[in-house]
């Protein structure tokens, strides 16, 4: 019996959801037009995929935030338990 479109889509997503290490989560977002173009330019400029660029950027931001939080009492534990807010000034000009 032939598979339905929904079955084929499900199988495709299951095959492509995980990376080569068996890890991965799907992220669906809508970006502002100019933000998307900036992402395309930056990824091209550094010679990486958009996914790779975002992953590196987020890992660096995570590291910076963890360092900042570690300077506060119980900051590291609170940060990793999502109990610590550092304020929006870290990501906004």
PDB file of N, CA and C in Angstrom:
ATOM      1  N   UNK A   1       0.837  -1.180   0.000  1.00  0.00           N
ATOM      2  CA  UNK A   1       0.000   0.000   0.000  1.00  0.00           C
ATOM      3  C   UNK A   1       0.885   1.247   0.000  1.00  0.00           C
ATOM      4  N   UNK A   2       0.543   2.229  -0.783  1.00  0.00           N
ATOM      5  CA  UNK A   2       1.339   3.452  -0.911  1.00  0.00           C
ATOM      6  C   UNK A   2       1.246   4.294   0.359  1.00  0.00           C
ATOM      7  N   UNK A   3       2.345   4.963   0.659  1.00  0.00           N
ATOM      8  CA  UNK A   3       2.381   5.831   1.831  1.00  0.00           C
ATOM      9  C   UNK A   3       1.681   7.145   1.513  1.00  0.00           C
ATOM     10  N   UNK A   4       1.085   7.724   2.529  1.00  0.00           N
ATOM     11  CA  UNK A   4       0.457   9.033   2.364  1.00  0.00           C
ATOM     12  C   UNK A   4       1.538  10.104   2.408  1.00  0.00           C
ATOM     13  N   UNK A   5       1.199  11.304   1.974  1.00  0.00           N
ATOM     14  CA  UNK A   5       2.149  12.417   2.051  1.00  0.00           C
ATOM     15  C   UNK A   5       2.568  12.663   3.497  1.00  0.00           C
ATOM     16  N   UNK A   6       1.620  12.575   4.410  1.00  0.00           N
ATOM     17  CA  UNK A   6       1.932  12.793   5.823  1.00  0.00           C
ATOM     18  C   UNK A   6       2.935  11.760   6.328  1.00  0.00           C
ATOM     19  N   UNK A   7       2.798  10.493   5.913  1.00  0.00           N
ATOM     20  CA  UNK A   7       3.737   9.452   6.330  1.00  0.00           C
ATOM     21  C   UNK A   7       5.130   9.714   5.769  1.00  0.00           C
ATOM     22  N   UNK A   8       5.197  10.112   4.506  1.00  0.00           N
ATOM     23  CA  UNK A   8       6.496  10.410   3.890  1.00  0.00           C
ATOM     24  C   UNK A   8       7.159  11.614   4.571  1.00  0.00           C
ATOM     25  N   UNK A   9       6.373  12.637   4.878  1.00  0.00           N
ATOM     26  CA  UNK A   9       6.919  13.812   5.555  1.00  0.00           C
ATOM     27  C   UNK A   9       7.439  13.454   6.940  1.00  0.00           C
ATOM     28  N   UNK A  10       6.689  12.638   7.660  1.00  0.00           N
ATOM     29  CA  UNK A  10       7.107  12.210   8.988  1.00  0.00           C
ATOM     30  C   UNK A  10       8.425  11.452   8.919  1.00  0.00           C
ATOM     31  N   UNK A  11       8.543  10.527   7.987  1.00  0.00           N
ATOM     32  CA  UNK A  11       9.784   9.763   7.835  1.00  0.00           C
ATOM     33  C   UNK A  11      10.956  10.671   7.469  1.00  0.00           C
ATOM     34  N   UNK A  12      10.707  11.630   6.584  1.00  0.00           N
ATOM     35  CA  UNK A  12      11.757  12.577   6.192  1.00  0.00           C
ATOM     36  C   UNK A  12      12.230  13.361   7.414  1.00  0.00           C
ATOM     37  N   UNK A  13      11.303  13.884   8.181  1.00  0.00           N
ATOM     38  CA  UNK A  13      11.662  14.674   9.361  1.00  0.00           C
ATOM     39  C   UNK A  13      12.416  13.832  10.382  1.00  0.00           C
ATOM     40  N   UNK A  14      12.001  12.601  10.566  1.00  0.00           N
ATOM     41  CA  UNK A  14      12.695  11.725  11.510  1.00  0.00           C
ATOM     42  C   UNK A  14      14.128  11.450  11.061  1.00  0.00           C
ATOM     43  N   UNK A  15      14.324  11.281   9.747  1.00  0.00           N
ATOM     44  CA  UNK A  15      15.669  11.023   9.225  1.00  0.00           C
ATOM     45  C   UNK A  15      16.555  12.258   9.329  1.00  0.00           C
ATOM     46  N   UNK A  16      15.994  13.437   9.145  1.00  0.00           N
ATOM     47  CA  UNK A  16      16.786  14.657   9.080  1.00  0.00           C
ATOM     48  C   UNK A  16      16.780  15.480  10.361  1.00  0.00           C
ATOM     49  N   UNK A  17      16.077  15.032  11.367  1.00  0.00           N
ATOM     50  CA  UNK A  17      16.028  15.780  12.614  1.00  0.00           C
ATOM     51  C   UNK A  17      17.329  15.655  13.380  1.00  0.00           C
ATOM     52  N   UNK A  18      17.925  14.513  13.366  1.00  0.00           N
ATOM     53  CA  UNK A  18      19.137  14.271  14.148  1.00  0.00           C
ATOM     54  C   UNK A  18      20.377  14.561  13.315  1.00  0.00           C
ATOM     55  N   UNK A  19      21.404  15.076  13.987  1.00  0.00           N
ATOM     56  CA  UNK A  19      22.662  15.293  13.289  1.00  0.00           C
ATOM     57  C   UNK A  19      23.478  14.004  13.285  1.00  0.00           C
ATOM     58  N   UNK A  20      24.716  14.087  12.848  1.00  0.00           N
ATOM     59  CA  UNK A  20      25.536  12.887  12.720  1.00  0.00           C
ATOM     60  C   UNK A  20      25.828  12.231  14.063  1.00  0.00           C
ATOM     61  N   UNK A  21      25.674  12.963  15.167  1.00  0.00           N
ATOM     62  CA  UNK A  21      25.903  12.408  16.496  1.00  0.00           C
ATOM     63  C   UNK A  21      24.610  11.927  17.148  1.00  0.00           C
ATOM     64  N   UNK A  22      23.514  11.988  16.423  1.00  0.00           N
ATOM     65  CA  UNK A  22      22.236  11.547  16.966  1.00  0.00           C
ATOM     66  C   UNK A  22      21.546  12.581  17.831  1.00  0.00           C
ATOM     67  N   UNK A  23      21.984  13.825  17.732  1.00  0.00           N
ATOM     68  CA  UNK A  23      21.387  14.894  18.521  1.00  0.00           C
ATOM     69  C   UNK A  23      20.790  15.927  17.572  1.00  0.00           C
ATOM     70  N   UNK A  24      19.787  16.595  18.029  1.00  0.00           N
ATOM     71  CA  UNK A  24      19.217  17.682  17.242  1.00  0.00           C
ATOM     72  C   UNK A  24      17.776  17.921  17.619  1.00  0.00           C
ATOM     73  N   UNK A  25      17.390  19.148  17.547  1.00  0.00           N
ATOM     74  CA  UNK A  25      16.012  19.554  17.772  1.00  0.00           C
ATOM     75  C   UNK A  25      15.619  20.490  16.642  1.00  0.00           C
ATOM     76  N   UNK A  26      14.387  20.383  16.251  1.00  0.00           N
ATOM     77  CA  UNK A  26      13.888  21.214  15.168  1.00  0.00           C
ATOM     78  C   UNK A  26      13.510  22.580  15.719  1.00  0.00           C
ATOM     79  N   UNK A  27      13.838  23.635  14.977  1.00  0.00           N
ATOM     80  CA  UNK A  27      13.518  24.997  15.355  1.00  0.00           C
ATOM     81  C   UNK A  27      12.843  25.664  14.165  1.00  0.00           C
ATOM     82  N   UNK A  28      11.625  26.096  14.355  1.00  0.00           N
ATOM     83  CA  UNK A  28      10.891  26.791  13.298  1.00  0.00           C
ATOM     84  C   UNK A  28      10.656  28.224  13.742  1.00  0.00           C
ATOM     85  N   UNK A  29      11.232  29.168  13.012  1.00  0.00           N
ATOM     86  CA  UNK A  29      11.069  30.576  13.361  1.00  0.00           C
ATOM     87  C   UNK A  29      10.832  31.398  12.111  1.00  0.00           C
ATOM     88  N   UNK A  30      10.258  32.554  12.301  1.00  0.00           N
ATOM     89  CA  UNK A  30      10.113  33.531  11.237  1.00  0.00           C
ATOM     90  C   UNK A  30      10.990  34.708  11.626  1.00  0.00           C
ATOM     91  N   UNK A  31      11.903  35.072  10.741  1.00  0.00           N
ATOM     92  CA  UNK A  31      12.808  36.186  10.987  1.00  0.00           C
ATOM     93  C   UNK A  31      12.404  37.378  10.142  1.00  0.00           C
ATOM     94  N   UNK A  32      12.704  38.553  10.648  1.00  0.00           N
ATOM     95  CA  UNK A  32      12.516  39.772   9.868  1.00  0.00           C
ATOM     96  C   UNK A  32      13.373  39.666   8.615  1.00  0.00           C
ATOM     97  N   UNK A  33      12.899  40.225   7.527  1.00  0.00           N
ATOM     98  CA  UNK A  33      13.590  40.165   6.239  1.00  0.00           C
ATOM     99  C   UNK A  33      15.060  40.574   6.360  1.00  0.00           C
ATOM    100  N   UNK A  34      15.324  41.707   7.015  1.00  0.00           N
ATOM    101  CA  UNK A  34      16.697  42.208   7.122  1.00  0.00           C
ATOM    102  C   UNK A  34      17.566  41.300   8.004  1.00  0.00           C
ATOM    103  N   UNK A  35      16.960  40.706   9.012  1.00  0.00           N
ATOM    104  CA  UNK A  35      17.693  39.775   9.869  1.00  0.00           C
ATOM    105  C   UNK A  35      18.101  38.544   9.081  1.00  0.00           C
ATOM    106  N   UNK A  36      17.204  38.033   8.277  1.00  0.00           N
ATOM    107  CA  UNK A  36      17.505  36.849   7.447  1.00  0.00           C
ATOM    108  C   UNK A  36      18.621  37.161   6.460  1.00  0.00           C
ATOM    109  N   UNK A  37      18.567  38.313   5.837  1.00  0.00           N
ATOM    110  CA  UNK A  37      19.625  38.683   4.890  1.00  0.00           C
ATOM    111  C   UNK A  37      20.967  38.840   5.608  1.00  0.00           C
ATOM    112  N   UNK A  38      20.941  39.393   6.823  1.00  0.00           N
ATOM    113  CA  UNK A  38      22.172  39.523   7.603  1.00  0.00           C
ATOM    114  C   UNK A  38      22.746  38.147   7.919  1.00  0.00           C
ATOM    115  N   UNK A  39      21.891  37.214   8.283  1.00  0.00           N
ATOM    116  CA  UNK A  39      22.335  35.840   8.550  1.00  0.00           C
ATOM    117  C   UNK A  39      22.968  35.230   7.303  1.00  0.00           C
ATOM    118  N   UNK A  40      22.340  35.415   6.168  1.00  0.00           N
ATOM    119  CA  UNK A  40      22.896  34.883   4.913  1.00  0.00           C
ATOM    120  C   UNK A  40      24.270  35.479   4.632  1.00  0.00           C
ATOM    121  N   UNK A  41      24.399  36.803   4.793  1.00  0.00           N
ATOM    122  CA  UNK A  41      25.683  37.463   4.525  1.00  0.00           C
ATOM    123  C   UNK A  41      26.759  36.983   5.485  1.00  0.00           C
ATOM    124  N   UNK A  42      26.425  36.914   6.765  1.00  0.00           N
ATOM    125  CA  UNK A  42      27.410  36.505   7.765  1.00  0.00           C
ATOM    126  C   UNK A  42      27.878  35.070   7.544  1.00  0.00           C
ATOM    127  N   UNK A  43      26.943  34.181   7.277  1.00  0.00           N
ATOM    128  CA  UNK A  43      27.320  32.790   7.027  1.00  0.00           C
ATOM    129  C   UNK A  43      28.221  32.690   5.804  1.00  0.00           C
ATOM    130  N   UNK A  44      27.875  33.406   4.760  1.00  0.00           N
ATOM    131  CA  UNK A  44      28.701  33.391   3.550  1.00  0.00           C
ATOM    132  C   UNK A  44      30.083  33.971   3.852  1.00  0.00           C
ATOM    133  N   UNK A  45      30.108  35.077   4.565  1.00  0.00           N
ATOM    134  CA  UNK A  45      31.364  35.759   4.888  1.00  0.00           C
ATOM    135  C   UNK A  45      32.328  34.836   5.634  1.00  0.00           C
ATOM    136  N   UNK A  46      31.803  34.043   6.567  1.00  0.00           N
ATOM    137  CA  UNK A  46      32.646  33.152   7.355  1.00  0.00           C
ATOM    138  C   UNK A  46      32.771  31.760   6.747  1.00  0.00           C
ATOM    139  N   UNK A  47      32.111  31.533   5.618  1.00  0.00           N
ATOM    140  CA  UNK A  47      32.252  30.256   4.922  1.00  0.00           C
ATOM    141  C   UNK A  47      31.625  29.081   5.638  1.00  0.00           C
ATOM    142  N   UNK A  48      30.504  29.324   6.303  1.00  0.00           N
ATOM    143  CA  UNK A  48      29.804  28.261   7.015  1.00  0.00           C
ATOM    144  C   UNK A  48      28.327  28.302   6.625  1.00  0.00           C
ATOM    145  N   UNK A  49      27.593  27.271   7.017  1.00  0.00           N
ATOM    146  CA  UNK A  49      26.157  27.274   6.762  1.00  0.00           C
ATOM    147  C   UNK A  49      25.484  28.225   7.756  1.00  0.00           C
ATOM    148  N   UNK A  50      24.256  28.599   7.443  1.00  0.00           N
ATOM    149  CA  UNK A  50      23.503  29.459   8.351  1.00  0.00           C
ATOM    150  C   UNK A  50      23.287  28.754   9.689  1.00  0.00           C
ATOM    151  N   UNK A  51      23.016  27.465   9.633  1.00  0.00           N
ATOM    152  CA  UNK A  51      22.840  26.687  10.862  1.00  0.00           C
ATOM    153  C   UNK A  51      24.110  26.719  11.697  1.00  0.00           C
ATOM    154  N   UNK A  52      25.238  26.473  11.058  1.00  0.00           N
ATOM    155  CA  UNK A  52      26.506  26.453  11.775  1.00  0.00           C
ATOM    156  C   UNK A  52      26.820  27.826  12.374  1.00  0.00           C
ATOM    157  N   UNK A  53      26.541  28.891  11.612  1.00  0.00           N
ATOM    158  CA  UNK A  53      26.785  30.235  12.118  1.00  0.00           C
ATOM    159  C   UNK A  53      25.934  30.505  13.355  1.00  0.00           C
ATOM    160  N   UNK A  54      24.642  30.189  13.286  1.00  0.00           N
ATOM    161  CA  UNK A  54      23.756  30.405  14.434  1.00  0.00           C
ATOM    162  C   UNK A  54      24.194  29.576  15.637  1.00  0.00           C
ATOM    163  N   UNK A  55      24.582  28.333  15.405  1.00  0.00           N
ATOM    164  CA  UNK A  55      25.019  27.477  16.505  1.00  0.00           C
ATOM    165  C   UNK A  55      26.252  28.053  17.187  1.00  0.00           C
ATOM    166  N   UNK A  56      27.223  28.502  16.406  1.00  0.00           N
ATOM    167  CA  UNK A  56      28.436  29.088  16.987  1.00  0.00           C
ATOM    168  C   UNK A  56      28.118  30.362  17.749  1.00  0.00           C
ATOM    169  N   UNK A  57      27.272  31.205  17.162  1.00  0.00           N
ATOM    170  CA  UNK A  57      26.892  32.459  17.795  1.00  0.00           C
ATOM    171  C   UNK A  57      26.185  32.208  19.126  1.00  0.00           C
ATOM    172  N   UNK A  58      25.275  31.258  19.133  1.00  0.00           N
ATOM    173  CA  UNK A  58      24.533  30.947  20.359  1.00  0.00           C
ATOM    174  C   UNK A  58      25.420  30.310  21.420  1.00  0.00           C
ATOM    175  N   UNK A  59      26.329  29.427  21.006  1.00  0.00           N
ATOM    176  CA  UNK A  59      27.246  28.831  21.985  1.00  0.00           C
ATOM    177  C   UNK A  59      28.139  29.904  22.622  1.00  0.00           C
ATOM    178  N   UNK A  60      28.590  30.862  21.810  1.00  0.00           N
ATOM    179  CA  UNK A  60      29.422  31.946  22.349  1.00  0.00           C
ATOM    180  C   UNK A  60      28.616  32.822  23.307  1.00  0.00           C
ATOM    181  N   UNK A  61      27.383  33.152  22.929  1.00  0.00           N
ATOM    182  CA  UNK A  61      26.523  33.957  23.803  1.00  0.00           C
ATOM    183  C   UNK A  61      26.227  33.208  25.099  1.00  0.00           C
ATOM    184  N   UNK A  62      26.026  31.901  25.005  1.00  0.00           N
ATOM    185  CA  UNK A  62      25.779  31.076  26.192  1.00  0.00           C
ATOM    186  C   UNK A  62      26.998  31.096  27.107  1.00  0.00           C
ATOM    187  N   UNK A  63      28.163  30.959  26.537  1.00  0.00           N
ATOM    188  CA  UNK A  63      29.400  30.986  27.320  1.00  0.00           C
ATOM    189  C   UNK A  63      29.586  32.340  27.995  1.00  0.00           C
ATOM    190  N   UNK A  64      29.339  33.416  27.252  1.00  0.00           N
ATOM    191  CA  UNK A  64      29.468  34.764  27.815  1.00  0.00           C
ATOM    192  C   UNK A  64      28.486  34.979  28.962  1.00  0.00           C
ATOM    193  N   UNK A  65      27.238  34.534  28.785  1.00  0.00           N
ATOM    194  CA  UNK A  65      26.223  34.700  29.824  1.00  0.00           C
ATOM    195  C   UNK A  65      26.573  33.861  31.055  1.00  0.00           C
ATOM    196  N   UNK A  66      27.069  32.651  30.842  1.00  0.00           N
ATOM    197  CA  UNK A  66      27.456  31.794  31.970  1.00  0.00           C
ATOM    198  C   UNK A  66      28.600  32.426  32.748  1.00  0.00           C
ATOM    199  N   UNK A  67      29.541  33.020  32.046  1.00  0.00           N
ATOM    200  CA  UNK A  67      30.661  33.706  32.704  1.00  0.00           C
ATOM    201  C   UNK A  67      30.153  34.884  33.514  1.00  0.00           C
ATOM    202  N   UNK A  68      29.262  35.669  32.926  1.00  0.00           N
ATOM    203  CA  UNK A  68      28.701  36.818  33.631  1.00  0.00           C
ATOM    204  C   UNK A  68      27.915  36.359  34.861  1.00  0.00           C
ATOM    205  N   UNK A  69      27.115  35.315  34.709  1.00  0.00           N
ATOM    206  CA  UNK A  69      26.311  34.812  35.823  1.00  0.00           C
ATOM    207  C   UNK A  69      27.200  34.253  36.934  1.00  0.00           C
ATOM    208  N   UNK A  70      28.328  33.658  36.567  1.00  0.00           N
ATOM    209  CA  UNK A  70      29.201  33.034  37.575  1.00  0.00           C
ATOM    210  C   UNK A  70      29.787  34.048  38.548  1.00  0.00           C
ATOM    211  N   UNK A  71      29.744  35.310  38.191  1.00  0.00           N
ATOM    212  CA  UNK A  71      30.263  36.361  39.073  1.00  0.00           C
ATOM    213  C   UNK A  71      29.274  36.729  40.179  1.00  0.00           C
ATOM    214  N   UNK A  72      28.068  36.202  40.106  1.00  0.00           N
ATOM    215  CA  UNK A  72      27.020  36.488  41.085  1.00  0.00           C
ATOM    216  C   UNK A  72      26.884  35.322  42.058  1.00  0.00           C
ATOM    217  N   UNK A  73      26.403  35.576  43.275  1.00  0.00           N
ATOM    218  CA  UNK A  73      26.194  34.475  44.220  1.00  0.00           C
ATOM    219  C   UNK A  73      25.225  33.442  43.644  1.00  0.00           C
ATOM    220  N   UNK A  74      25.624  32.199  43.642  1.00  0.00           N
ATOM    221  CA  UNK A  74      24.831  31.097  43.072  1.00  0.00           C
ATOM    222  C   UNK A  74      24.486  31.320  41.606  1.00  0.00           C
ATOM    223  N   UNK A  75      25.211  32.189  40.960  1.00  0.00           N
ATOM    224  CA  UNK A  75      24.893  32.573  39.588  1.00  0.00           C
ATOM    225  C   UNK A  75      24.972  31.439  38.594  1.00  0.00           C
ATOM    226  N   UNK A  76      26.015  30.627  38.669  1.00  0.00           N
ATOM    227  CA  UNK A  76      26.161  29.532  37.702  1.00  0.00           C
ATOM    228  C   UNK A  76      25.028  28.533  37.821  1.00  0.00           C
ATOM    229  N   UNK A  77      24.744  28.107  39.036  1.00  0.00           N
ATOM    230  CA  UNK A  77      23.656  27.141  39.241  1.00  0.00           C
ATOM    231  C   UNK A  77      22.331  27.731  38.789  1.00  0.00           C
ATOM    232  N   UNK A  78      22.088  28.997  39.171  1.00  0.00           N
ATOM    233  CA  UNK A  78      20.839  29.645  38.774  1.00  0.00           C
ATOM    234  C   UNK A  78      20.738  29.772  37.254  1.00  0.00           C
ATOM    235  N   UNK A  79      21.859  30.097  36.617  1.00  0.00           N
ATOM    236  CA  UNK A  79      21.847  30.256  35.156  1.00  0.00           C
ATOM    237  C   UNK A  79      21.470  28.945  34.465  1.00  0.00           C
ATOM    238  N   UNK A  80      22.123  27.867  34.852  1.00  0.00           N
ATOM    239  CA  UNK A  80      21.867  26.590  34.193  1.00  0.00           C
ATOM    240  C   UNK A  80      20.511  25.995  34.548  1.00  0.00           C
ATOM    241  N   UNK A  81      19.935  26.445  35.651  1.00  0.00           N
ATOM    242  CA  UNK A  81      18.586  26.005  36.011  1.00  0.00           C
ATOM    243  C   UNK A  81      17.522  26.989  35.515  1.00  0.00           C
ATOM    244  N   UNK A  82      17.956  27.964  34.713  1.00  0.00           N
ATOM    245  CA  UNK A  82      17.085  29.010  34.156  1.00  0.00           C
ATOM    246  C   UNK A  82      16.368  29.789  35.249  1.00  0.00           C
ATOM    247  N   UNK A  83      17.095  30.082  36.325  1.00  0.00           N
ATOM    248  CA  UNK A  83      16.556  30.859  37.430  1.00  0.00           C
ATOM    249  C   UNK A  83      17.208  32.239  37.519  1.00  0.00           C
ATOM    250  N   UNK A  84      18.160  32.503  36.646  1.00  0.00           N
ATOM    251  CA  UNK A  84      18.916  33.751  36.702  1.00  0.00           C
ATOM    252  C   UNK A  84      18.638  34.580  35.462  1.00  0.00           C
ATOM    253  N   UNK A  85      18.233  35.825  35.659  1.00  0.00           N
ATOM    254  CA  UNK A  85      18.068  36.764  34.548  1.00  0.00           C
ATOM    255  C   UNK A  85      19.208  37.772  34.616  1.00  0.00           C
ATOM    256  N   UNK A  86      19.841  38.000  33.483  1.00  0.00           N
ATOM    257  CA  UNK A  86      20.943  38.947  33.434  1.00  0.00           C
ATOM    258  C   UNK A  86      20.499  40.297  32.900  1.00  0.00           C
ATOM    259  N   UNK A  87      19.325  40.364  32.330  1.00  0.00           N
ATOM    260  CA  UNK A  87      18.816  41.612  31.791  1.00  0.00           C
ATOM    261  C   UNK A  87      19.006  41.684  30.286  1.00  0.00           C
ATOM    262  N   UNK A  88      18.135  42.404  29.621  1.00  0.00           N
ATOM    263  CA  UNK A  88      18.186  42.471  28.155  1.00  0.00           C
ATOM    264  C   UNK A  88      19.345  43.287  27.612  1.00  0.00           C
ATOM    265  N   UNK A  89      19.990  44.076  28.460  1.00  0.00           N
ATOM    266  CA  UNK A  89      21.076  44.930  27.951  1.00  0.00           C
ATOM    267  C   UNK A  89      22.223  44.120  27.353  1.00  0.00           C
ATOM    268  N   UNK A  90      22.322  42.847  27.703  1.00  0.00           N
ATOM    269  CA  UNK A  90      23.402  42.010  27.154  1.00  0.00           C
ATOM    270  C   UNK A  90      23.188  41.719  25.665  1.00  0.00           C
ATOM    271  N   UNK A  91      21.949  41.749  25.208  1.00  0.00           N
ATOM    272  CA  UNK A  91      21.682  41.423  23.806  1.00  0.00           C
ATOM    273  C   UNK A  91      21.137  42.595  23.013  1.00  0.00           C
ATOM    274  N   UNK A  92      20.906  43.716  23.674  1.00  0.00           N
ATOM    275  CA  UNK A  92      20.390  44.883  22.948  1.00  0.00           C
ATOM    276  C   UNK A  92      21.375  46.036  23.109  1.00  0.00           C
ATOM    277  N   UNK A  93      21.472  46.864  22.075  1.00  0.00           N
ATOM    278  CA  UNK A  93      22.421  47.997  22.151  1.00  0.00           C
ATOM    279  C   UNK A  93      21.993  49.046  23.148  1.00  0.00           C
TER     280      UNK A  93
END
